[in-house]
Amino acid sequence: MSIAIIINNYLHDVASAMLLASALVVWLAGRQVERGASPAAFLAAYPLLKRIAWGSLAWIVVGGIPRAIFFTRYEWDPAVMRGIVPALIVKHVLMSAAILTGAAMWTRVLRLVRSDRGQQVGA
């Protein structure tokens, strides 16, 4: 059971990073299209990155349930025993920032896709 919880927590962190990374790539490609570049890179990247983002978001929600349930046992108590509570707090602040930034970037990209300019791109 302990191994499953530890793996879940690790994959939860990875999902947070993947949401941000997918948003960054598709956002950068979208910016290039806005600046007049060929939409080929955007059109090629968008569907796959959208699936990665939705999968990451699903894992963040689903994987967050056991993480929250077992937080004190597998994260808080060991951090207290080792004296690294500030590091644990910083980690969770950074992961939360990655999730919020990724969601904000995806929101901007979705606005582009749904706008007239996005329709011209063919997305």
PDB file of N, CA and C in Angstrom:
ATOM      1  N   MET A   1       0.822  -1.197   0.000  1.00  0.00           N
ATOM      2  CA  MET A   1       0.000   0.000   0.000  1.00  0.00           C
ATOM      3  C   MET A   1       0.871   1.269   0.000  1.00  0.00           C
ATOM      4  N   SER A   2       1.919   1.245   0.807  1.00  0.00           N
ATOM      5  CA  SER A   2       2.793   2.421   0.878  1.00  0.00           C
ATOM      6  C   SER A   2       3.412   2.745  -0.475  1.00  0.00           C
ATOM      7  N   ILE A   3       3.831   1.726  -1.198  1.00  0.00           N
ATOM      8  CA  ILE A   3       4.451   1.951  -2.506  1.00  0.00           C
ATOM      9  C   ILE A   3       3.442   2.565  -3.465  1.00  0.00           C
ATOM     10  N   ALA A   4       2.209   2.090  -3.438  1.00  0.00           N
ATOM     11  CA  ALA A   4       1.171   2.635  -4.319  1.00  0.00           C
ATOM     12  C   ALA A   4       0.913   4.109  -4.017  1.00  0.00           C
ATOM     13  N   ILE A   5       0.876   4.474  -2.758  1.00  0.00           N
ATOM     14  CA  ILE A   5       0.644   5.878  -2.384  1.00  0.00           C
ATOM     15  C   ILE A   5       1.822   6.749  -2.816  1.00  0.00           C
ATOM     16  N   ILE A   6       3.028   6.269  -2.606  1.00  0.00           N
ATOM     17  CA  ILE A   6       4.219   7.039  -2.992  1.00  0.00           C
ATOM     18  C   ILE A   6       4.270   7.225  -4.505  1.00  0.00           C
ATOM     19  N   ILE A   7       3.965   6.168  -5.255  1.00  0.00           N
ATOM     20  CA  ILE A   7       3.938   6.276  -6.719  1.00  0.00           C
ATOM     21  C   ILE A   7       2.842   7.244  -7.157  1.00  0.00           C
ATOM     22  N   ASN A   8       1.667   7.147  -6.535  1.00  0.00           N
ATOM     23  CA  ASN A   8       0.582   8.072  -6.845  1.00  0.00           C
ATOM     24  C   ASN A   8       1.016   9.514  -6.620  1.00  0.00           C
ATOM     25  N   ASN A   9       1.659   9.785  -5.495  1.00  0.00           N
ATOM     26  CA  ASN A   9       2.085  11.151  -5.192  1.00  0.00           C
ATOM     27  C   ASN A   9       3.099  11.656  -6.217  1.00  0.00           C
ATOM     28  N   TYR A  10       4.015  10.785  -6.613  1.00  0.00           N
ATOM     29  CA  TYR A  10       5.002  11.159  -7.627  1.00  0.00           C
ATOM     30  C   TYR A  10       4.303  11.467  -8.950  1.00  0.00           C
ATOM     31  N   LEU A  11       3.396  10.586  -9.376  1.00  0.00           N
ATOM     32  CA  LEU A  11       2.693  10.794 -10.645  1.00  0.00           C
ATOM     33  C   LEU A  11       1.785  12.022 -10.584  1.00  0.00           C
ATOM     34  N   HIS A  12       1.276  12.332  -9.420  1.00  0.00           N
ATOM     35  CA  HIS A  12       0.479  13.550  -9.241  1.00  0.00           C
ATOM     36  C   HIS A  12       1.345  14.788  -9.507  1.00  0.00           C
ATOM     37  N   ASP A  13       2.570  14.780  -9.004  1.00  0.00           N
ATOM     38  CA  ASP A  13       3.499  15.881  -9.274  1.00  0.00           C
ATOM     39  C   ASP A  13       3.854  15.946 -10.758  1.00  0.00           C
ATOM     40  N   VAL A  14       4.076  14.788 -11.367  1.00  0.00           N
ATOM     41  CA  VAL A  14       4.394  14.747 -12.797  1.00  0.00           C
ATOM     42  C   VAL A  14       3.221  15.288 -13.616  1.00  0.00           C
ATOM     43  N   ALA A  15       2.002  14.930 -13.248  1.00  0.00           N
ATOM     44  CA  ALA A  15       0.822  15.426 -13.966  1.00  0.00           C
ATOM     45  C   ALA A  15       0.735  16.944 -13.880  1.00  0.00           C
ATOM     46  N   SER A  16       1.081  17.505 -12.744  1.00  0.00           N
ATOM     47  CA  SER A  16       1.086  18.965 -12.597  1.00  0.00           C
ATOM     48  C   SER A  16       2.091  19.595 -13.562  1.00  0.00           C
ATOM     49  N   ALA A  17       3.259  19.005 -13.639  1.00  0.00           N
ATOM     50  CA  ALA A  17       4.290  19.513 -14.548  1.00  0.00           C
ATOM     51  C   ALA A  17       3.877  19.329 -16.008  1.00  0.00           C
ATOM     52  N   MET A  18       3.233  18.208 -16.319  1.00  0.00           N
ATOM     53  CA  MET A  18       2.806  17.951 -17.700  1.00  0.00           C
ATOM     54  C   MET A  18       1.729  18.936 -18.145  1.00  0.00           C
ATOM     55  N   LEU A  19       0.833  19.308 -17.238  1.00  0.00           N
ATOM     56  CA  LEU A  19      -0.180  20.301 -17.579  1.00  0.00           C
ATOM     57  C   LEU A  19       0.491  21.616 -17.962  1.00  0.00           C
ATOM     58  N   LEU A  20       1.447  22.037 -17.160  1.00  0.00           N
ATOM     59  CA  LEU A  20       2.161  23.278 -17.454  1.00  0.00           C
ATOM     60  C   LEU A  20       2.972  23.153 -18.742  1.00  0.00           C
ATOM     61  N   ALA A  21       3.668  22.048 -18.926  1.00  0.00           N
ATOM     62  CA  ALA A  21       4.505  21.877 -20.118  1.00  0.00           C
ATOM     63  C   ALA A  21       3.664  21.854 -21.395  1.00  0.00           C
ATOM     64  N   SER A  22       2.553  21.146 -21.379  1.00  0.00           N
ATOM     65  CA  SER A  22       1.700  21.097 -22.571  1.00  0.00           C
ATOM     66  C   SER A  22       1.137  22.478 -22.873  1.00  0.00           C
ATOM     67  N   ALA A  23       0.761  23.206 -21.833  1.00  0.00           N
ATOM     68  CA  ALA A  23       0.237  24.554 -22.037  1.00  0.00           C
ATOM     69  C   ALA A  23       1.308  25.470 -22.609  1.00  0.00           C
ATOM     70  N   LEU A  24       2.515  25.358 -22.107  1.00  0.00           N
ATOM     71  CA  LEU A  24       3.604  26.203 -22.597  1.00  0.00           C
ATOM     72  C   LEU A  24       3.884  25.951 -24.079  1.00  0.00           C
ATOM     73  N   VAL A  25       3.949  24.690 -24.465  1.00  0.00           N
ATOM     74  CA  VAL A  25       4.242  24.367 -25.865  1.00  0.00           C
ATOM     75  C   VAL A  25       3.135  24.861 -26.791  1.00  0.00           C
ATOM     76  N   VAL A  26       1.884  24.573 -26.451  1.00  0.00           N
ATOM     77  CA  VAL A  26       0.792  24.980 -27.336  1.00  0.00           C
ATOM     78  C   VAL A  26       0.615  26.503 -27.320  1.00  0.00           C
ATOM     79  N   TRP A  27       0.883  27.127 -26.179  1.00  0.00           N
ATOM     80  CA  TRP A  27       0.786  28.587 -26.091  1.00  0.00           C
ATOM     81  C   TRP A  27       1.854  29.241 -26.970  1.00  0.00           C
ATOM     82  N   LEU A  28       3.090  28.717 -26.912  1.00  0.00           N
ATOM     83  CA  LEU A  28       4.162  29.267 -27.750  1.00  0.00           C
ATOM     84  C   LEU A  28       3.854  29.085 -29.235  1.00  0.00           C
ATOM     85  N   ALA A  29       3.332  27.919 -29.590  1.00  0.00           N
ATOM     86  CA  ALA A  29       2.954  27.688 -30.989  1.00  0.00           C
ATOM     87  C   ALA A  29       1.836  28.639 -31.403  1.00  0.00           C
ATOM     88  N   GLY A  30       0.873  28.852 -30.526  1.00  0.00           N
ATOM     89  CA  GLY A  30      -0.219  29.781 -30.820  1.00  0.00           C
ATOM     90  C   GLY A  30       0.266  31.209 -30.982  1.00  0.00           C
ATOM     91  N   ARG A  31       1.221  31.602 -30.171  1.00  0.00           N
ATOM     92  CA  ARG A  31       1.788  32.959 -30.297  1.00  0.00           C
ATOM     93  C   ARG A  31       2.481  33.140 -31.639  1.00  0.00           C
ATOM     94  N   GLN A  32       3.158  32.094 -32.095  1.00  0.00           N
ATOM     95  CA  GLN A  32       3.824  32.185 -33.395  1.00  0.00           C
ATOM     96  C   GLN A  32       2.800  32.366 -34.509  1.00  0.00           C
ATOM     97  N   VAL A  33       1.667  31.680 -34.400  1.00  0.00           N
ATOM     98  CA  VAL A  33       0.604  31.839 -35.400  1.00  0.00           C
ATOM     99  C   VAL A  33       0.055  33.254 -35.342  1.00  0.00           C
ATOM    100  N   GLU A  34      -0.147  33.777 -34.141  1.00  0.00           N
ATOM    101  CA  GLU A  34      -0.637  35.153 -34.006  1.00  0.00           C
ATOM    102  C   GLU A  34       0.312  36.149 -34.651  1.00  0.00           C
ATOM    103  N   ARG A  35       1.599  35.840 -34.655  1.00  0.00           N
ATOM    104  CA  ARG A  35       2.610  36.726 -35.240  1.00  0.00           C
ATOM    105  C   ARG A  35       2.778  36.511 -36.737  1.00  0.00           C
ATOM    106  N   GLY A  36       1.973  35.617 -37.302  1.00  0.00           N
ATOM    107  CA  GLY A  36       1.997  35.433 -38.742  1.00  0.00           C
ATOM    108  C   GLY A  36       2.716  34.201 -39.234  1.00  0.00           C
ATOM    109  N   ALA A  37       3.198  33.363 -38.330  1.00  0.00           N
ATOM    110  CA  ALA A  37       3.879  32.139 -38.747  1.00  0.00           C
ATOM    111  C   ALA A  37       2.868  31.139 -39.300  1.00  0.00           C
ATOM    112  N   SER A  38       3.357  30.195 -40.029  1.00  0.00           N
ATOM    113  CA  SER A  38       2.502  29.128 -40.549  1.00  0.00           C
ATOM    114  C   SER A  38       1.861  28.384 -39.390  1.00  0.00           C
ATOM    115  N   PRO A  39       0.587  28.061 -39.513  1.00  0.00           N
ATOM    116  CA  PRO A  39      -0.087  27.357 -38.418  1.00  0.00           C
ATOM    117  C   PRO A  39       0.222  25.868 -38.341  1.00  0.00           C
ATOM    118  N   ALA A  40       1.125  25.377 -39.169  1.00  0.00           N
ATOM    119  CA  ALA A  40       1.393  23.939 -39.229  1.00  0.00           C
ATOM    120  C   ALA A  40       1.837  23.369 -37.877  1.00  0.00           C
ATOM    121  N   ALA A  41       2.755  24.043 -37.204  1.00  0.00           N
ATOM    122  CA  ALA A  41       3.238  23.545 -35.906  1.00  0.00           C
ATOM    123  C   ALA A  41       2.116  23.550 -34.879  1.00  0.00           C
ATOM    124  N   PHE A  42       1.328  24.613 -34.881  1.00  0.00           N
ATOM    125  CA  PHE A  42       0.208  24.703 -33.950  1.00  0.00           C
ATOM    126  C   PHE A  42      -0.791  23.583 -34.214  1.00  0.00           C
ATOM    127  N   LEU A  43      -1.158  23.404 -35.475  1.00  0.00           N
ATOM    128  CA  LEU A  43      -2.139  22.375 -35.830  1.00  0.00           C
ATOM    129  C   LEU A  43      -1.631  20.971 -35.524  1.00  0.00           C
ATOM    130  N   ALA A  44      -0.330  20.764 -35.667  1.00  0.00           N
ATOM    131  CA  ALA A  44       0.242  19.448 -35.377  1.00  0.00           C
ATOM    132  C   ALA A  44       0.298  19.180 -33.871  1.00  0.00           C
ATOM    133  N   ALA A  45       0.615  20.202 -33.103  1.00  0.00           N
ATOM    134  CA  ALA A  45       0.803  20.016 -31.663  1.00  0.00           C
ATOM    135  C   ALA A  45      -0.499  20.040 -30.876  1.00  0.00           C
ATOM    136  N   TYR A  46      -1.461  20.809 -31.310  1.00  0.00           N
ATOM    137  CA  TYR A  46      -2.656  21.062 -30.516  1.00  0.00           C
ATOM    138  C   TYR A  46      -3.422  19.800 -30.094  1.00  0.00           C
ATOM    139  N   PRO A  47      -3.774  18.892 -30.992  1.00  0.00           N
ATOM    140  CA  PRO A  47      -4.585  17.744 -30.556  1.00  0.00           C
ATOM    141  C   PRO A  47      -3.883  16.852 -29.521  1.00  0.00           C
ATOM    142  N   LEU A  48      -2.629  16.568 -29.737  1.00  0.00           N
ATOM    143  CA  LEU A  48      -1.897  15.724 -28.793  1.00  0.00           C
ATOM    144  C   LEU A  48      -1.718  16.425 -27.451  1.00  0.00           C
ATOM    145  N   LEU A  49      -1.350  17.684 -27.490  1.00  0.00           N
ATOM    146  CA  LEU A  49      -1.147  18.422 -26.248  1.00  0.00           C
ATOM    147  C   LEU A  49      -2.463  18.616 -25.489  1.00  0.00           C
ATOM    148  N   LYS A  50      -3.547  18.736 -26.220  1.00  0.00           N
ATOM    149  CA  LYS A  50      -4.856  18.843 -25.568  1.00  0.00           C
ATOM    150  C   LYS A  50      -5.176  17.545 -24.821  1.00  0.00           C
ATOM    151  N   ARG A  51      -4.887  16.397 -25.435  1.00  0.00           N
ATOM    152  CA  ARG A  51      -5.104  15.110 -24.755  1.00  0.00           C
ATOM    153  C   ARG A  51      -4.195  14.970 -23.535  1.00  0.00           C
ATOM    154  N   ILE A  52      -2.964  15.411 -23.664  1.00  0.00           N
ATOM    155  CA  ILE A  52      -2.036  15.366 -22.522  1.00  0.00           C
ATOM    156  C   ILE A  52      -2.570  16.250 -21.390  1.00  0.00           C
ATOM    157  N   ALA A  53      -3.055  17.429 -21.736  1.00  0.00           N
ATOM    158  CA  ALA A  53      -3.579  18.349 -20.716  1.00  0.00           C
ATOM    159  C   ALA A  53      -4.788  17.756 -20.009  1.00  0.00           C
ATOM    160  N   TRP A  54      -5.725  17.191 -20.769  1.00  0.00           N
ATOM    161  CA  TRP A  54      -6.914  16.594 -20.147  1.00  0.00           C
ATOM    162  C   TRP A  54      -6.535  15.387 -19.297  1.00  0.00           C
ATOM    163  N   GLY A  55      -5.605  14.571 -19.774  1.00  0.00           N
ATOM    164  CA  GLY A  55      -5.145  13.433 -18.980  1.00  0.00           C
ATOM    165  C   GLY A  55      -4.449  13.888 -17.703  1.00  0.00           C
ATOM    166  N   SER A  56      -3.654  14.923 -17.815  1.00  0.00           N
ATOM    167  CA  SER A  56      -2.970  15.470 -16.641  1.00  0.00           C
ATOM    168  C   SER A  56      -3.975  16.021 -15.641  1.00  0.00           C
ATOM    169  N   LEU A  57      -4.941  16.757 -16.149  1.00  0.00           N
ATOM    170  CA  LEU A  57      -5.957  17.323 -15.268  1.00  0.00           C
ATOM    171  C   LEU A  57      -6.751  16.216 -14.568  1.00  0.00           C
ATOM    172  N   ALA A  58      -7.079  15.169 -15.304  1.00  0.00           N
ATOM    173  CA  ALA A  58      -7.796  14.037 -14.693  1.00  0.00           C
ATOM    174  C   ALA A  58      -6.957  13.398 -13.592  1.00  0.00           C
ATOM    175  N   TRP A  59      -5.659  13.201 -13.864  1.00  0.00           N
ATOM    176  CA  TRP A  59      -4.805  12.591 -12.838  1.00  0.00           C
ATOM    177  C   TRP A  59      -4.633  13.509 -11.631  1.00  0.00           C
ATOM    178  N   ILE A  60      -4.574  14.817 -11.867  1.00  0.00           N
ATOM    179  CA  ILE A  60      -4.464  15.764 -10.755  1.00  0.00           C
ATOM    180  C   ILE A  60      -5.675  15.623  -9.836  1.00  0.00           C
ATOM    181  N   VAL A  61      -6.855  15.511 -10.425  1.00  0.00           N
ATOM    182  CA  VAL A  61      -8.073  15.388  -9.616  1.00  0.00           C
ATOM    183  C   VAL A  61      -8.156  14.007  -8.963  1.00  0.00           C
ATOM    184  N   VAL A  62      -8.048  12.957  -9.766  1.00  0.00           N
ATOM    185  CA  VAL A  62      -8.210  11.596  -9.242  1.00  0.00           C
ATOM    186  C   VAL A  62      -7.062  11.228  -8.300  1.00  0.00           C
ATOM    187  N   GLY A  63      -5.841  11.533  -8.695  1.00  0.00           N
ATOM    188  CA  GLY A  63      -4.684  11.232  -7.851  1.00  0.00           C
ATOM    189  C   GLY A  63      -4.604  12.099  -6.610  1.00  0.00           C
ATOM    190  N   GLY A  64      -5.289  13.240  -6.648  1.00  0.00           N
ATOM    191  CA  GLY A  64      -5.305  14.121  -5.489  1.00  0.00           C
ATOM    192  C   GLY A  64      -6.134  13.577  -4.337  1.00  0.00           C
ATOM    193  N   ILE A  65      -7.067  12.702  -4.637  1.00  0.00           N
ATOM    194  CA  ILE A  65      -7.923  12.145  -3.581  1.00  0.00           C
ATOM    195  C   ILE A  65      -7.112  11.298  -2.607  1.00  0.00           C
ATOM    196  N   PRO A  66      -6.407  10.243  -3.081  1.00  0.00           N
ATOM    197  CA  PRO A  66      -5.605   9.484  -2.114  1.00  0.00           C
ATOM    198  C   PRO A  66      -4.468  10.312  -1.522  1.00  0.00           C
ATOM    199  N   ARG A  67      -3.954  11.248  -2.303  1.00  0.00           N
ATOM    200  CA  ARG A  67      -2.888  12.093  -1.766  1.00  0.00           C
ATOM    201  C   ARG A  67      -3.382  12.899  -0.578  1.00  0.00           C
ATOM    202  N   ALA A  68      -4.577  13.444  -0.697  1.00  0.00           N
ATOM    203  CA  ALA A  68      -5.143  14.210   0.414  1.00  0.00           C
ATOM    204  C   ALA A  68      -5.463  13.311   1.609  1.00  0.00           C
ATOM    205  N   ILE A  69      -5.974  12.131   1.334  1.00  0.00           N
ATOM    206  CA  ILE A  69      -6.338  11.211   2.410  1.00  0.00           C
ATOM    207  C   ILE A  69      -5.108  10.796   3.222  1.00  0.00           C
ATOM    208  N   PHE A  70      -4.021  10.495   2.530  1.00  0.00           N
ATOM    209  CA  PHE A  70      -2.818   9.983   3.193  1.00  0.00           C
ATOM    210  C   PHE A  70      -1.730  11.037   3.363  1.00  0.00           C
ATOM    211  N   PHE A  71      -2.086  12.319   3.222  1.00  0.00           N
ATOM    212  CA  PHE A  71      -1.087  13.390   3.260  1.00  0.00           C
ATOM    213  C   PHE A  71      -0.273  13.383   4.550  1.00  0.00           C
ATOM    214  N   THR A  72      -0.944  13.307   5.696  1.00  0.00           N
ATOM    215  CA  THR A  72      -0.198  13.397   6.962  1.00  0.00           C
ATOM    216  C   THR A  72       0.755  12.218   7.114  1.00  0.00           C
ATOM    217  N   ARG A  73       0.328  11.043   6.738  1.00  0.00           N
ATOM    218  CA  ARG A  73       1.164   9.855   6.940  1.00  0.00           C
ATOM    219  C   ARG A  73       2.381   9.813   6.014  1.00  0.00           C
ATOM    220  N   TYR A  74       2.191  10.173   4.757  1.00  0.00           N
ATOM    221  CA  TYR A  74       3.267   9.984   3.775  1.00  0.00           C
ATOM    222  C   TYR A  74       4.024  11.250   3.408  1.00  0.00           C
ATOM    223  N   GLU A  75       3.502  12.411   3.770  1.00  0.00           N
ATOM    224  CA  GLU A  75       4.208  13.641   3.426  1.00  0.00           C
ATOM    225  C   GLU A  75       4.482  14.520   4.652  1.00  0.00           C
ATOM    226  N   TRP A  76       3.440  14.836   5.394  1.00  0.00           N
ATOM    227  CA  TRP A  76       3.611  15.766   6.506  1.00  0.00           C
ATOM    228  C   TRP A  76       4.482  15.179   7.618  1.00  0.00           C
ATOM    229  N   ASP A  77       4.108  14.000   8.135  1.00  0.00           N
ATOM    230  CA  ASP A  77       4.864  13.404   9.246  1.00  0.00           C
ATOM    231  C   ASP A  77       6.340  13.189   8.902  1.00  0.00           C
ATOM    232  N   PRO A  78       6.667  12.621   7.717  1.00  0.00           N
ATOM    233  CA  PRO A  78       8.088  12.485   7.383  1.00  0.00           C
ATOM    234  C   PRO A  78       8.809  13.843   7.272  1.00  0.00           C
ATOM    235  N   ALA A  79       8.106  14.861   6.764  1.00  0.00           N
ATOM    236  CA  ALA A  79       8.724  16.185   6.656  1.00  0.00           C
ATOM    237  C   ALA A  79       8.998  16.772   8.042  1.00  0.00           C
ATOM    238  N   VAL A  80       8.082  16.557   8.977  1.00  0.00           N
ATOM    239  CA  VAL A  80       8.281  17.048  10.337  1.00  0.00           C
ATOM    240  C   VAL A  80       9.458  16.321  10.983  1.00  0.00           C
ATOM    241  N   MET A  81       9.498  14.999  10.823  1.00  0.00           N
ATOM    242  CA  MET A  81      10.575  14.210  11.428  1.00  0.00           C
ATOM    243  C   MET A  81      11.942  14.603  10.876  1.00  0.00           C
ATOM    244  N   ARG A  82      12.002  14.956   9.604  1.00  0.00           N
ATOM    245  CA  ARG A  82      13.281  15.317   8.976  1.00  0.00           C
ATOM    246  C   ARG A  82      13.568  16.813   9.056  1.00  0.00           C
ATOM    247  N   GLY A  83      12.613  17.576   9.546  1.00  0.00           N
ATOM    248  CA  GLY A  83      12.821  19.016   9.643  1.00  0.00           C
ATOM    249  C   GLY A  83      12.788  19.731   8.307  1.00  0.00           C
ATOM    250  N   ILE A  84      12.001  19.207   7.357  1.00  0.00           N
ATOM    251  CA  ILE A  84      11.962  19.804   6.022  1.00  0.00           C
ATOM    252  C   ILE A  84      10.560  20.300   5.648  1.00  0.00           C
ATOM    253  N   VAL A  85       9.819  20.732   6.644  1.00  0.00           N
ATOM    254  CA  VAL A  85       8.474  21.259   6.374  1.00  0.00           C
ATOM    255  C   VAL A  85       8.530  22.444   5.417  1.00  0.00           C
ATOM    256  N   PRO A  86       9.476  23.395   5.562  1.00  0.00           N
ATOM    257  CA  PRO A  86       9.524  24.498   4.587  1.00  0.00           C
ATOM    258  C   PRO A  86       9.709  23.993   3.146  1.00  0.00           C
ATOM    259  N   ALA A  87      10.507  22.961   2.956  1.00  0.00           N
ATOM    260  CA  ALA A  87      10.697  22.417   1.609  1.00  0.00           C
ATOM    261  C   ALA A  87       9.393  21.813   1.078  1.00  0.00           C
ATOM    262  N   LEU A  88       8.657  21.131   1.941  1.00  0.00           N
ATOM    263  CA  LEU A  88       7.373  20.552   1.536  1.00  0.00           C
ATOM    264  C   LEU A  88       6.390  21.659   1.149  1.00  0.00           C
ATOM    265  N   ILE A  89       6.387  22.729   1.909  1.00  0.00           N
ATOM    266  CA  ILE A  89       5.498  23.859   1.598  1.00  0.00           C
ATOM    267  C   ILE A  89       5.884  24.481   0.261  1.00  0.00           C
ATOM    268  N   VAL A  90       7.179  24.703   0.052  1.00  0.00           N
ATOM    269  CA  VAL A  90       7.643  25.278  -1.220  1.00  0.00           C
ATOM    270  C   VAL A  90       7.261  24.367  -2.384  1.00  0.00           C
ATOM    271  N   LYS A  91       7.431  23.059  -2.211  1.00  0.00           N
ATOM    272  CA  LYS A  91       7.077  22.113  -3.271  1.00  0.00           C
ATOM    273  C   LYS A  91       5.603  22.230  -3.632  1.00  0.00           C
ATOM    274  N   HIS A  92       4.746  22.282  -2.633  1.00  0.00           N
ATOM    275  CA  HIS A  92       3.312  22.357  -2.905  1.00  0.00           C
ATOM    276  C   HIS A  92       2.907  23.714  -3.476  1.00  0.00           C
ATOM    277  N   VAL A  93       3.580  24.764  -3.079  1.00  0.00           N
ATOM    278  CA  VAL A  93       3.320  26.078  -3.677  1.00  0.00           C
ATOM    279  C   VAL A  93       3.716  26.062  -5.154  1.00  0.00           C
ATOM    280  N   LEU A  94       4.870  25.490  -5.466  1.00  0.00           N
ATOM    281  CA  LEU A  94       5.323  25.412  -6.865  1.00  0.00           C
ATOM    282  C   LEU A  94       4.403  24.541  -7.716  1.00  0.00           C
ATOM    283  N   MET A  95       3.968  23.406  -7.173  1.00  0.00           N
ATOM    284  CA  MET A  95       3.058  22.532  -7.915  1.00  0.00           C
ATOM    285  C   MET A  95       1.707  23.218  -8.135  1.00  0.00           C
ATOM    286  N   SER A  96       1.224  23.936  -7.134  1.00  0.00           N
ATOM    287  CA  SER A  96      -0.032  24.685  -7.288  1.00  0.00           C
ATOM    288  C   SER A  96       0.130  25.783  -8.332  1.00  0.00           C
ATOM    289  N   ALA A  97       1.270  26.455  -8.310  1.00  0.00           N
ATOM    290  CA  ALA A  97       1.535  27.494  -9.315  1.00  0.00           C
ATOM    291  C   ALA A  97       1.597  26.901 -10.718  1.00  0.00           C
ATOM    292  N   ALA A  98       2.190  25.711 -10.852  1.00  0.00           N
ATOM    293  CA  ALA A  98       2.253  25.051 -12.159  1.00  0.00           C
ATOM    294  C   ALA A  98       0.850  24.729 -12.660  1.00  0.00           C
ATOM    295  N   ILE A  99      -0.005  24.234 -11.775  1.00  0.00           N
ATOM    296  CA  ILE A  99      -1.372  23.900 -12.174  1.00  0.00           C
ATOM    297  C   ILE A  99      -2.133  25.159 -12.584  1.00  0.00           C
ATOM    298  N   LEU A 100      -2.057  26.194 -11.771  1.00  0.00           N
ATOM    299  CA  LEU A 100      -2.782  27.431 -12.076  1.00  0.00           C
ATOM    300  C   LEU A 100      -2.259  28.108 -13.339  1.00  0.00           C
ATOM    301  N   THR A 101      -0.946  28.125 -13.501  1.00  0.00           N
ATOM    302  CA  THR A 101      -0.358  28.724 -14.703  1.00  0.00           C
ATOM    303  C   THR A 101      -0.730  27.920 -15.940  1.00  0.00           C
ATOM    304  N   GLY A 102      -0.645  26.606 -15.845  1.00  0.00           N
ATOM    305  CA  GLY A 102      -1.033  25.758 -16.975  1.00  0.00           C
ATOM    306  C   GLY A 102      -2.486  25.953 -17.355  1.00  0.00           C
ATOM    307  N   ALA A 103      -3.367  26.015 -16.366  1.00  0.00           N
ATOM    308  CA  ALA A 103      -4.787  26.232 -16.647  1.00  0.00           C
ATOM    309  C   ALA A 103      -5.018  27.595 -17.285  1.00  0.00           C
ATOM    310  N   ALA A 104      -4.335  28.612 -16.797  1.00  0.00           N
ATOM    311  CA  ALA A 104      -4.484  29.958 -17.370  1.00  0.00           C
ATOM    312  C   ALA A 104      -3.987  29.997 -18.815  1.00  0.00           C
ATOM    313  N   MET A 105      -2.862  29.341 -19.074  1.00  0.00           N
ATOM    314  CA  MET A 105      -2.320  29.330 -20.438  1.00  0.00           C
ATOM    315  C   MET A 105      -3.249  28.572 -21.379  1.00  0.00           C
ATOM    316  N   TRP A 106      -3.793  27.451 -20.929  1.00  0.00           N
ATOM    317  CA  TRP A 106      -4.736  26.698 -21.758  1.00  0.00           C
ATOM    318  C   TRP A 106      -5.992  27.509 -22.026  1.00  0.00           C
ATOM    319  N   THR A 107      -6.436  28.291 -21.050  1.00  0.00           N
ATOM    320  CA  THR A 107      -7.608  29.142 -21.250  1.00  0.00           C
ATOM    321  C   THR A 107      -7.336  30.152 -22.355  1.00  0.00           C
ATOM    322  N   ARG A 108      -6.157  30.736 -22.354  1.00  0.00           N
ATOM    323  CA  ARG A 108      -5.794  31.697 -23.411  1.00  0.00           C
ATOM    324  C   ARG A 108      -5.747  31.025 -24.785  1.00  0.00           C
ATOM    325  N   VAL A 109      -5.189  29.835 -24.833  1.00  0.00           N
ATOM    326  CA  VAL A 109      -5.108  29.115 -26.107  1.00  0.00           C
ATOM    327  C   VAL A 109      -6.508  28.768 -26.600  1.00  0.00           C
ATOM    328  N   LEU A 110      -7.371  28.333 -25.706  1.00  0.00           N
ATOM    329  CA  LEU A 110      -8.738  28.001 -26.111  1.00  0.00           C
ATOM    330  C   LEU A 110      -9.470  29.221 -26.646  1.00  0.00           C
ATOM    331  N   ARG A 111      -9.213  30.388 -26.061  1.00  0.00           N
ATOM    332  CA  ARG A 111      -9.807  31.625 -26.596  1.00  0.00           C
ATOM    333  C   ARG A 111      -9.334  31.872 -28.025  1.00  0.00           C
ATOM    334  N   LEU A 112      -8.054  31.636 -28.288  1.00  0.00           N
ATOM    335  CA  LEU A 112      -7.514  31.812 -29.641  1.00  0.00           C
ATOM    336  C   LEU A 112      -8.180  30.839 -30.603  1.00  0.00           C
ATOM    337  N   VAL A 113      -8.288  29.593 -30.184  1.00  0.00           N
ATOM    338  CA  VAL A 113      -8.874  28.569 -31.059  1.00  0.00           C
ATOM    339  C   VAL A 113     -10.323  28.914 -31.378  1.00  0.00           C
ATOM    340  N   ARG A 114     -11.042  29.423 -30.399  1.00  0.00           N
ATOM    341  CA  ARG A 114     -12.469  29.730 -30.590  1.00  0.00           C
ATOM    342  C   ARG A 114     -12.719  31.082 -31.248  1.00  0.00           C
ATOM    343  N   SER A 115     -11.684  31.904 -31.371  1.00  0.00           N
ATOM    344  CA  SER A 115     -11.852  33.237 -31.966  1.00  0.00           C
ATOM    345  C   SER A 115     -11.887  33.137 -33.482  1.00  0.00           C
ATOM    346  N   ASP A 116     -12.174  34.245 -34.111  1.00  0.00           N
ATOM    347  CA  ASP A 116     -12.171  34.305 -35.567  1.00  0.00           C
ATOM    348  C   ASP A 116     -10.787  33.971 -36.113  1.00  0.00           C
ATOM    349  N   ARG A 117      -9.760  34.464 -35.426  1.00  0.00           N
ATOM    350  CA  ARG A 117      -8.384  34.210 -35.865  1.00  0.00           C
ATOM    351  C   ARG A 117      -8.095  32.716 -35.810  1.00  0.00           C
ATOM    352  N   GLY A 118      -8.564  32.052 -34.760  1.00  0.00           N
ATOM    353  CA  GLY A 118      -8.376  30.610 -34.648  1.00  0.00           C
ATOM    354  C   GLY A 118      -9.104  29.839 -35.719  1.00  0.00           C
ATOM    355  N   GLN A 119     -10.276  30.336 -36.107  1.00  0.00           N
ATOM    356  CA  GLN A 119     -11.040  29.685 -37.166  1.00  0.00           C
ATOM    357  C   GLN A 119     -10.296  29.816 -38.504  1.00  0.00           C
ATOM    358  N   GLN A 120      -9.606  30.943 -38.692  1.00  0.00           N
ATOM    359  CA  GLN A 120      -8.805  31.130 -39.892  1.00  0.00           C
ATOM    360  C   GLN A 120      -7.630  30.175 -39.921  1.00  0.00           C
ATOM    361  N   VAL A 121      -7.123  29.846 -38.718  1.00  0.00           N
ATOM    362  CA  VAL A 121      -5.998  28.920 -38.612  1.00  0.00           C
ATOM    363  C   VAL A 121      -6.458  27.514 -38.971  1.00  0.00           C
ATOM    364  N   GLY A 122      -7.731  27.248 -38.718  1.00  0.00           N
ATOM    365  CA  GLY A 122      -8.253  25.919 -39.013  1.00  0.00           C
ATOM    366  C   GLY A 122      -8.288  25.012 -37.817  1.00  0.00           C
ATOM    367  N   ALA A 123      -8.082  25.575 -36.620  1.00  0.00           N
ATOM    368  CA  ALA A 123      -8.073  24.759 -35.405  1.00  0.00           C
ATOM    369  C   ALA A 123      -9.473  24.440 -34.951  1.00  0.00           C
TER     370      ALA A 123
END
